[in-house]
Amino acid sequence: MFKQLSLFDDLTENNPATVLDLLKVHFEIQRLLPYSWVFSYYKRFGRNHVYSLSSYACALLVQKLFSIPTDALLLLILNVCQELRTFCGLGNKVFDKTMLSRFKSTFADDIEDFFHTMVDLTEPICQEIDKEAAKALIIDTTGIDSLCQGE
């Protein structure tokens, strides 16, 4: 029988881990958030808030990493998957579609900068590991849209 190989087979066979485990080990999301974005987020929403900036950033990273096409589907997956909620620092409560849409429209420029920073950090690593495979590992970070009235 033939077996279809995936890119993560070697990685997970030698060192069992999920993609989320790899992200936790190699990327500290809070350290990747630009200070200007952290300052504007907490200035706008105050210190006592339900969701942290890193929770939103992690959720958007999950959406892009797993190619989840809509916010509604992302929220549904977050609601049913405890591991993803834990990774995003959400506990048992997930933000609603309106909150996520407002966040994305308010901080659209910061979100775009964040994902460009992620690409700048990961692209050289991928190139060093395998130039040919790196071509297949590109994730489109340009499609960040916010839900606005009148659309």
N, C-alpha and C. Protein backbone atom coordinates (compact mmCIF):
# COMPACT_ATOMS: atom_id res chain seq x y z
N MET A 1 0.83 -1.19 0.00
CA MET A 1 0.00 0.00 0.00
C MET A 1 0.87 1.24 0.00
N PHE A 2 0.34 2.26 -0.59
CA PHE A 2 1.03 3.53 -0.60
C PHE A 2 0.57 4.38 0.57
N LYS A 3 1.47 5.19 1.07
CA LYS A 3 1.15 6.08 2.19
C LYS A 3 1.43 7.51 1.75
N GLN A 4 0.46 8.36 1.94
CA GLN A 4 0.67 9.77 1.61
C GLN A 4 1.44 10.42 2.75
N LEU A 5 2.52 11.10 2.40
CA LEU A 5 3.35 11.75 3.41
C LEU A 5 2.96 13.21 3.55
N SER A 6 3.06 13.70 4.76
CA SER A 6 2.82 15.12 4.95
C SER A 6 4.11 15.75 5.46
N LEU A 7 4.17 17.05 5.38
CA LEU A 7 5.35 17.79 5.77
C LEU A 7 5.67 17.59 7.25
N PHE A 8 4.64 17.42 8.08
CA PHE A 8 4.85 17.31 9.52
C PHE A 8 5.12 15.88 9.98
N ASP A 9 5.08 14.88 9.08
CA ASP A 9 5.29 13.49 9.47
C ASP A 9 6.63 13.27 10.17
N ASP A 10 7.72 13.70 9.54
CA ASP A 10 9.04 13.51 10.15
C ASP A 10 9.12 14.23 11.48
N LEU A 11 8.61 15.42 11.51
CA LEU A 11 8.68 16.24 12.72
C LEU A 11 7.92 15.60 13.87
N THR A 12 6.71 15.11 13.61
CA THR A 12 5.89 14.56 14.68
C THR A 12 6.26 13.13 15.04
N GLU A 13 6.81 12.37 14.10
CA GLU A 13 7.23 11.00 14.41
C GLU A 13 8.42 10.98 15.34
N ASN A 14 9.37 11.88 15.11
CA ASN A 14 10.58 11.92 15.93
C ASN A 14 10.34 12.61 17.27
N ASN A 15 9.47 13.57 17.30
CA ASN A 15 9.19 14.34 18.50
C ASN A 15 7.69 14.62 18.52
N PRO A 16 6.89 13.72 19.08
CA PRO A 16 5.44 13.88 19.02
C PRO A 16 4.99 15.24 19.55
N ALA A 17 4.30 15.97 18.72
CA ALA A 17 3.80 17.29 19.09
C ALA A 17 2.74 17.70 18.09
N THR A 18 1.90 18.60 18.51
CA THR A 18 0.93 19.18 17.58
C THR A 18 1.50 20.48 17.04
N VAL A 19 0.87 21.01 16.03
CA VAL A 19 1.28 22.30 15.49
C VAL A 19 1.21 23.35 16.60
N LEU A 20 0.19 23.27 17.44
CA LEU A 20 0.05 24.24 18.53
C LEU A 20 1.20 24.12 19.52
N ASP A 21 1.64 22.89 19.80
CA ASP A 21 2.78 22.70 20.69
C ASP A 21 4.04 23.34 20.09
N LEU A 22 4.22 23.17 18.79
CA LEU A 22 5.38 23.77 18.14
C LEU A 22 5.33 25.29 18.21
N LEU A 23 4.14 25.86 18.03
CA LEU A 23 4.00 27.32 18.13
C LEU A 23 4.29 27.80 19.55
N LYS A 24 3.79 27.07 20.54
CA LYS A 24 4.02 27.45 21.94
C LYS A 24 5.51 27.46 22.26
N VAL A 25 6.22 26.45 21.76
CA VAL A 25 7.64 26.31 22.07
C VAL A 25 8.47 27.38 21.36
N HIS A 26 8.16 27.65 20.10
CA HIS A 26 9.03 28.49 19.28
C HIS A 26 8.60 29.94 19.13
N PHE A 27 7.35 30.26 19.46
CA PHE A 27 6.88 31.64 19.31
C PHE A 27 6.14 32.08 20.56
N GLU A 28 6.63 33.10 21.18
CA GLU A 28 5.92 33.72 22.29
C GLU A 28 5.14 34.90 21.71
N ILE A 29 3.86 34.70 21.50
CA ILE A 29 3.03 35.69 20.83
C ILE A 29 3.12 37.05 21.53
N GLN A 30 3.08 37.05 22.85
CA GLN A 30 3.13 38.32 23.58
C GLN A 30 4.40 39.10 23.27
N ARG A 31 5.50 38.41 23.04
CA ARG A 31 6.76 39.10 22.72
C ARG A 31 6.78 39.61 21.28
N LEU A 32 5.95 39.05 20.42
CA LEU A 32 5.92 39.46 19.02
C LEU A 32 4.99 40.64 18.77
N LEU A 33 4.15 40.95 19.74
CA LEU A 33 3.21 42.06 19.58
C LEU A 33 3.95 43.38 19.72
N PRO A 34 3.87 44.26 18.72
CA PRO A 34 4.54 45.55 18.81
C PRO A 34 4.00 46.38 19.99
N TYR A 35 4.90 47.08 20.66
CA TYR A 35 4.51 47.87 21.82
C TYR A 35 3.43 48.89 21.47
N SER A 36 3.52 49.48 20.29
CA SER A 36 2.52 50.49 19.89
C SER A 36 1.12 49.89 19.84
N TRP A 37 1.02 48.63 19.38
CA TRP A 37 -0.28 47.96 19.32
C TRP A 37 -0.77 47.63 20.73
N VAL A 38 0.12 47.14 21.57
CA VAL A 38 -0.24 46.83 22.96
C VAL A 38 -0.73 48.09 23.65
N PHE A 39 -0.01 49.19 23.48
CA PHE A 39 -0.38 50.46 24.11
C PHE A 39 -1.75 50.93 23.63
N SER A 40 -1.98 50.92 22.31
CA SER A 40 -3.27 51.41 21.80
C SER A 40 -4.43 50.50 22.18
N TYR A 41 -4.18 49.18 22.25
CA TYR A 41 -5.25 48.25 22.65
C TYR A 41 -5.68 48.52 24.09
N TYR A 42 -4.70 48.58 25.00
CA TYR A 42 -5.05 48.76 26.41
C TYR A 42 -5.51 50.18 26.70
N LYS A 43 -5.07 51.15 25.91
CA LYS A 43 -5.56 52.52 26.07
C LYS A 43 -7.04 52.58 25.68
N ARG A 44 -7.38 51.88 24.62
CA ARG A 44 -8.77 51.90 24.12
C ARG A 44 -9.71 51.10 25.02
N PHE A 45 -9.28 49.92 25.47
CA PHE A 45 -10.16 49.03 26.21
C PHE A 45 -9.90 49.00 27.71
N GLY A 46 -8.87 49.68 28.18
CA GLY A 46 -8.59 49.71 29.61
C GLY A 46 -7.89 48.46 30.08
N ARG A 47 -7.53 48.47 31.34
CA ARG A 47 -6.79 47.35 31.91
C ARG A 47 -7.70 46.18 32.24
N ASN A 48 -8.92 46.46 32.65
CA ASN A 48 -9.86 45.39 33.01
C ASN A 48 -10.74 45.07 31.80
N HIS A 49 -10.40 44.02 31.12
CA HIS A 49 -11.14 43.61 29.93
C HIS A 49 -11.27 42.10 29.95
N VAL A 50 -12.20 41.60 29.16
CA VAL A 50 -12.47 40.17 29.16
C VAL A 50 -11.39 39.40 28.38
N TYR A 51 -10.95 39.95 27.24
CA TYR A 51 -10.02 39.24 26.37
C TYR A 51 -8.73 40.04 26.20
N SER A 52 -7.61 39.35 26.23
CA SER A 52 -6.32 40.01 26.06
C SER A 52 -6.01 40.19 24.57
N LEU A 53 -5.11 41.08 24.30
CA LEU A 53 -4.66 41.30 22.93
C LEU A 53 -4.04 40.03 22.36
N SER A 54 -3.29 39.31 23.18
CA SER A 54 -2.67 38.07 22.68
C SER A 54 -3.72 37.01 22.35
N SER A 55 -4.88 37.03 23.03
CA SER A 55 -5.96 36.09 22.70
C SER A 55 -6.49 36.34 21.29
N TYR A 56 -6.71 37.61 20.97
CA TYR A 56 -7.16 37.96 19.62
C TYR A 56 -6.08 37.59 18.59
N ALA A 57 -4.83 37.94 18.88
CA ALA A 57 -3.73 37.66 17.94
C ALA A 57 -3.59 36.16 17.71
N CYS A 58 -3.69 35.37 18.76
CA CYS A 58 -3.60 33.91 18.61
C CYS A 58 -4.75 33.36 17.78
N ALA A 59 -5.94 33.87 18.02
CA ALA A 59 -7.11 33.41 17.26
C ALA A 59 -6.94 33.73 15.77
N LEU A 60 -6.44 34.92 15.46
CA LEU A 60 -6.23 35.28 14.07
C LEU A 60 -5.10 34.45 13.45
N LEU A 61 -4.09 34.12 14.24
CA LEU A 61 -3.01 33.26 13.77
C LEU A 61 -3.54 31.87 13.45
N VAL A 62 -4.38 31.34 14.32
CA VAL A 62 -5.01 30.03 14.08
C VAL A 62 -5.85 30.08 12.81
N GLN A 63 -6.60 31.17 12.63
CA GLN A 63 -7.44 31.31 11.43
C GLN A 63 -6.59 31.26 10.16
N LYS A 64 -5.48 31.98 10.16
CA LYS A 64 -4.62 31.99 8.97
C LYS A 64 -3.86 30.68 8.80
N LEU A 65 -3.34 30.14 9.89
CA LEU A 65 -2.54 28.92 9.83
C LEU A 65 -3.33 27.73 9.30
N PHE A 66 -4.58 27.61 9.74
CA PHE A 66 -5.42 26.49 9.32
C PHE A 66 -6.37 26.85 8.19
N SER A 67 -6.17 28.02 7.57
CA SER A 67 -6.97 28.48 6.42
C SER A 67 -8.46 28.42 6.71
N ILE A 68 -8.86 28.94 7.84
CA ILE A 68 -10.28 28.99 8.20
C ILE A 68 -10.86 30.21 7.50
N PRO A 69 -11.80 30.01 6.57
CA PRO A 69 -12.21 31.09 5.67
C PRO A 69 -13.06 32.20 6.29
N THR A 70 -13.82 31.92 7.33
CA THR A 70 -14.71 32.94 7.87
C THR A 70 -14.54 33.07 9.38
N ASP A 71 -14.90 34.25 9.87
CA ASP A 71 -14.87 34.47 11.32
C ASP A 71 -15.87 33.57 12.03
N ALA A 72 -17.04 33.36 11.41
CA ALA A 72 -18.07 32.52 12.02
C ALA A 72 -17.54 31.09 12.22
N LEU A 73 -16.83 30.56 11.23
CA LEU A 73 -16.27 29.21 11.36
C LEU A 73 -15.15 29.19 12.41
N LEU A 74 -14.32 30.22 12.44
CA LEU A 74 -13.28 30.31 13.46
C LEU A 74 -13.90 30.27 14.85
N LEU A 75 -14.93 31.05 15.07
CA LEU A 75 -15.58 31.11 16.39
C LEU A 75 -16.23 29.78 16.75
N LEU A 76 -16.83 29.13 15.76
CA LEU A 76 -17.42 27.81 16.00
C LEU A 76 -16.35 26.81 16.42
N ILE A 77 -15.24 26.79 15.71
CA ILE A 77 -14.14 25.87 16.04
C ILE A 77 -13.58 26.18 17.42
N LEU A 78 -13.41 27.46 17.73
CA LEU A 78 -12.91 27.83 19.07
C LEU A 78 -13.88 27.39 20.16
N ASN A 79 -15.18 27.48 19.89
CA ASN A 79 -16.17 27.08 20.88
C ASN A 79 -16.17 25.58 21.16
N VAL A 80 -15.83 24.77 20.16
CA VAL A 80 -15.87 23.32 20.37
C VAL A 80 -14.51 22.70 20.69
N CYS A 81 -13.44 23.44 20.50
CA CYS A 81 -12.11 22.87 20.69
C CYS A 81 -11.41 23.49 21.90
N GLN A 82 -11.36 22.75 22.98
CA GLN A 82 -10.72 23.22 24.22
C GLN A 82 -9.23 23.50 24.01
N GLU A 83 -8.56 22.67 23.23
CA GLU A 83 -7.12 22.85 23.00
C GLU A 83 -6.84 24.19 22.32
N LEU A 84 -7.66 24.55 21.34
CA LEU A 84 -7.48 25.84 20.67
C LEU A 84 -7.80 27.00 21.61
N ARG A 85 -8.86 26.86 22.40
CA ARG A 85 -9.19 27.92 23.37
C ARG A 85 -8.05 28.12 24.36
N THR A 86 -7.47 27.03 24.82
CA THR A 86 -6.35 27.11 25.76
C THR A 86 -5.15 27.78 25.09
N PHE A 87 -4.86 27.38 23.86
CA PHE A 87 -3.75 27.99 23.12
C PHE A 87 -3.94 29.50 22.99
N CYS A 88 -5.18 29.92 22.73
CA CYS A 88 -5.48 31.34 22.55
C CYS A 88 -5.67 32.08 23.87
N GLY A 89 -5.63 31.37 24.98
CA GLY A 89 -5.81 32.01 26.28
C GLY A 89 -7.23 32.46 26.54
N LEU A 90 -8.19 31.71 26.02
CA LEU A 90 -9.59 32.10 26.12
C LEU A 90 -10.35 31.42 27.25
N GLY A 91 -9.82 30.39 27.83
CA GLY A 91 -10.56 29.69 28.89
C GLY A 91 -11.82 29.05 28.33
N ASN A 92 -12.95 29.28 28.98
CA ASN A 92 -14.20 28.67 28.54
C ASN A 92 -15.10 29.63 27.78
N LYS A 93 -14.68 30.87 27.62
CA LYS A 93 -15.51 31.88 26.96
C LYS A 93 -14.79 32.41 25.73
N VAL A 94 -15.53 32.46 24.60
CA VAL A 94 -14.97 32.93 23.33
C VAL A 94 -15.68 34.22 22.94
N PHE A 95 -14.92 35.16 22.37
CA PHE A 95 -15.54 36.40 21.92
C PHE A 95 -16.57 36.12 20.83
N ASP A 96 -17.52 37.04 20.67
CA ASP A 96 -18.54 36.84 19.65
C ASP A 96 -18.13 37.50 18.33
N LYS A 97 -18.93 37.27 17.31
CA LYS A 97 -18.61 37.74 15.96
C LYS A 97 -18.49 39.26 15.91
N THR A 98 -19.36 39.96 16.63
CA THR A 98 -19.33 41.42 16.63
C THR A 98 -18.04 41.94 17.26
N MET A 99 -17.63 41.34 18.38
CA MET A 99 -16.39 41.76 19.05
C MET A 99 -15.18 41.52 18.15
N LEU A 100 -15.14 40.36 17.51
CA LEU A 100 -14.01 40.04 16.63
C LEU A 100 -13.99 40.99 15.43
N SER A 101 -15.14 41.26 14.85
CA SER A 101 -15.22 42.17 13.71
C SER A 101 -14.78 43.59 14.11
N ARG A 102 -15.25 44.05 15.26
CA ARG A 102 -14.86 45.38 15.75
C ARG A 102 -13.35 45.44 16.00
N PHE A 103 -12.82 44.37 16.58
CA PHE A 103 -11.37 44.31 16.82
C PHE A 103 -10.61 44.40 15.50
N LYS A 104 -11.03 43.60 14.51
CA LYS A 104 -10.33 43.57 13.23
C LYS A 104 -10.41 44.90 12.50
N SER A 105 -11.55 45.58 12.58
CA SER A 105 -11.66 46.87 11.90
C SER A 105 -10.91 47.97 12.64
N THR A 106 -10.91 47.93 13.96
CA THR A 106 -10.22 48.94 14.75
C THR A 106 -8.70 48.83 14.60
N PHE A 107 -8.20 47.61 14.57
CA PHE A 107 -6.75 47.39 14.58
C PHE A 107 -6.25 46.76 13.28
N ALA A 108 -6.91 47.05 12.16
CA ALA A 108 -6.56 46.43 10.87
C ALA A 108 -5.09 46.66 10.51
N ASP A 109 -4.59 47.88 10.67
CA ASP A 109 -3.20 48.17 10.32
C ASP A 109 -2.23 47.41 11.23
N ASP A 110 -2.55 47.35 12.53
CA ASP A 110 -1.70 46.63 13.48
C ASP A 110 -1.68 45.13 13.18
N ILE A 111 -2.83 44.59 12.81
CA ILE A 111 -2.92 43.16 12.48
C ILE A 111 -2.07 42.86 11.25
N GLU A 112 -2.16 43.72 10.25
CA GLU A 112 -1.37 43.53 9.04
C GLU A 112 0.13 43.58 9.37
N ASP A 113 0.54 44.54 10.17
CA ASP A 113 1.95 44.65 10.58
C ASP A 113 2.40 43.41 11.35
N PHE A 114 1.53 42.91 12.22
CA PHE A 114 1.84 41.72 13.01
C PHE A 114 2.12 40.52 12.10
N PHE A 115 1.26 40.30 11.11
CA PHE A 115 1.45 39.16 10.22
C PHE A 115 2.67 39.35 9.31
N HIS A 116 2.94 40.57 8.91
CA HIS A 116 4.15 40.81 8.12
C HIS A 116 5.40 40.53 8.97
N THR A 117 5.35 40.88 10.25
CA THR A 117 6.45 40.57 11.16
C THR A 117 6.63 39.06 11.29
N MET A 118 5.51 38.33 11.39
CA MET A 118 5.58 36.87 11.47
C MET A 118 6.24 36.29 10.22
N VAL A 119 5.89 36.82 9.06
CA VAL A 119 6.49 36.35 7.81
C VAL A 119 7.99 36.67 7.81
N ASP A 120 8.34 37.88 8.24
CA ASP A 120 9.74 38.27 8.28
C ASP A 120 10.56 37.36 9.20
N LEU A 121 9.95 36.88 10.28
CA LEU A 121 10.65 36.00 11.21
C LEU A 121 10.76 34.57 10.71
N THR A 122 9.71 34.07 10.08
CA THR A 122 9.68 32.66 9.71
C THR A 122 10.26 32.36 8.33
N GLU A 123 10.20 33.29 7.42
CA GLU A 123 10.66 33.04 6.06
C GLU A 123 12.14 32.67 6.00
N PRO A 124 13.04 33.38 6.69
CA PRO A 124 14.45 32.96 6.65
C PRO A 124 14.68 31.57 7.26
N ILE A 125 13.92 31.25 8.29
CA ILE A 125 14.05 29.93 8.92
C ILE A 125 13.66 28.85 7.93
N CYS A 126 12.53 29.05 7.25
CA CYS A 126 12.07 28.08 6.26
C CYS A 126 13.06 27.96 5.10
N GLN A 127 13.61 29.08 4.67
CA GLN A 127 14.60 29.06 3.59
C GLN A 127 15.84 28.28 3.99
N GLU A 128 16.27 28.44 5.23
CA GLU A 128 17.46 27.75 5.72
C GLU A 128 17.24 26.24 5.82
N ILE A 129 16.03 25.85 6.23
CA ILE A 129 15.73 24.43 6.38
C ILE A 129 15.67 23.75 5.02
N ASP A 130 14.90 24.32 4.10
CA ASP A 130 14.74 23.72 2.77
C ASP A 130 14.15 24.76 1.82
N LYS A 131 14.97 25.22 0.90
CA LYS A 131 14.53 26.29 -0.01
C LYS A 131 13.33 25.87 -0.86
N GLU A 132 13.31 24.63 -1.32
CA GLU A 132 12.20 24.17 -2.16
C GLU A 132 10.91 24.01 -1.34
N ALA A 133 11.01 23.42 -0.15
CA ALA A 133 9.83 23.25 0.69
C ALA A 133 9.30 24.60 1.16
N ALA A 134 10.19 25.57 1.34
CA ALA A 134 9.77 26.90 1.80
C ALA A 134 8.82 27.55 0.81
N LYS A 135 8.96 27.24 -0.45
CA LYS A 135 8.06 27.80 -1.45
C LYS A 135 6.63 27.31 -1.25
N ALA A 136 6.48 26.10 -0.70
CA ALA A 136 5.16 25.53 -0.48
C ALA A 136 4.58 25.89 0.88
N LEU A 137 5.37 26.51 1.74
CA LEU A 137 4.93 26.80 3.09
C LEU A 137 4.45 28.23 3.29
N ILE A 138 4.23 28.94 2.22
CA ILE A 138 3.82 30.33 2.33
C ILE A 138 2.34 30.42 2.66
N ILE A 139 2.00 31.25 3.65
CA ILE A 139 0.61 31.49 4.04
C ILE A 139 0.27 32.92 3.65
N ASP A 140 -0.84 33.11 2.97
CA ASP A 140 -1.26 34.43 2.54
C ASP A 140 -1.76 35.22 3.74
N THR A 141 -1.08 36.33 4.04
CA THR A 141 -1.49 37.17 5.17
C THR A 141 -2.13 38.46 4.70
N THR A 142 -2.47 38.55 3.42
CA THR A 142 -3.02 39.79 2.90
C THR A 142 -4.54 39.84 2.99
N GLY A 143 -5.21 38.74 3.27
CA GLY A 143 -6.65 38.69 3.21
C GLY A 143 -7.35 38.96 4.52
N ILE A 144 -6.85 39.90 5.31
CA ILE A 144 -7.49 40.22 6.58
C ILE A 144 -8.57 41.26 6.32
N ASP A 145 -9.79 40.87 6.48
CA ASP A 145 -10.92 41.77 6.24
C ASP A 145 -11.71 41.95 7.51
N SER A 146 -12.36 43.09 7.60
CA SER A 146 -13.25 43.33 8.74
C SER A 146 -14.67 43.44 8.22
N LEU A 147 -15.60 43.01 9.04
CA LEU A 147 -17.01 43.10 8.69
C LEU A 147 -17.49 44.50 8.99
N CYS A 148 -17.95 45.22 7.99
CA CYS A 148 -18.39 46.60 8.18
C CYS A 148 -19.84 46.74 7.74
N GLN A 149 -20.52 47.71 8.34
CA GLN A 149 -21.88 47.96 7.92
C GLN A 149 -21.87 48.45 6.48
N GLY A 150 -22.88 48.08 5.75
CA GLY A 150 -23.01 48.52 4.37
C GLY A 150 -22.38 47.57 3.37
N GLU A 151 -21.72 46.53 3.85
CA GLU A 151 -21.12 45.57 2.91
C GLU A 151 -22.14 44.59 2.45
